Amino acid sequence: MAFNSMKAQIEKKNDLIKKAESIINLAETEKRELMTLSEDDKKIRFSSPLSFGTAGLRAKMYMGIGCINRFTVARATRAVAKTVNSLEEKRGGIAIAYDSRNNSCLFARVAASVLASLGIRVYIFDGVRPTPELSFAVLNLSLDGGKTLIATEDLPSFEDNVWGLFLNNTGVSKFSGTA
């Protein structure tokens, strides 16, 4: 019985990958990554979505709902947009900063596109910036919040990334749960 249950879970994950490939315009590198996943990797990467931790998301950069990639960044950013759009007292939008970590600029642009498409004014830095500069921009421009894509000491490799967020100048995440 346990074998059949595990087999059904693996088949479900394989179906999710096939569905994603048919719906989403995947880059060749993303397709190759998905096609070469072992069953164990599929289980790890597709078992459960990322959850918000202290002020954001932290994970390895791979394809999958449990990893940082352009799709999970977009999904989490939609949650930010929903929250910002529900604020009674909206301010001036969201500032986005990023560091030199792999894909940080790409993820910042994905986040900016999602926010802008949902009616939120976006200020994105034109190059690598430290988090304190983002905080200054949020305060100086009286924005709804700031979003940063940076490295973290918790995940020391260049295969890791952090999607950080603070709203209303608090410096603390207003989110909990699953992205």
Foldseek 3Di string as FASTA:
>chain_A
DVVVVLVVVLVVLVVVVVVCVVPDDDDPVQVVQVVPDDSVRSCVQAVAAFWQDWQFTKAFDHDGRPHDDLVVLLVVLLVVLVVQVPDPDFWQFEEEAEAPQPCQVVSSVSSCVSNVVSPGDYHYDPYHDDPVVRLVCCVVRVHQWYWYKYDDPVDPDSRMIIIGIDGRSPSTHPDTTGD
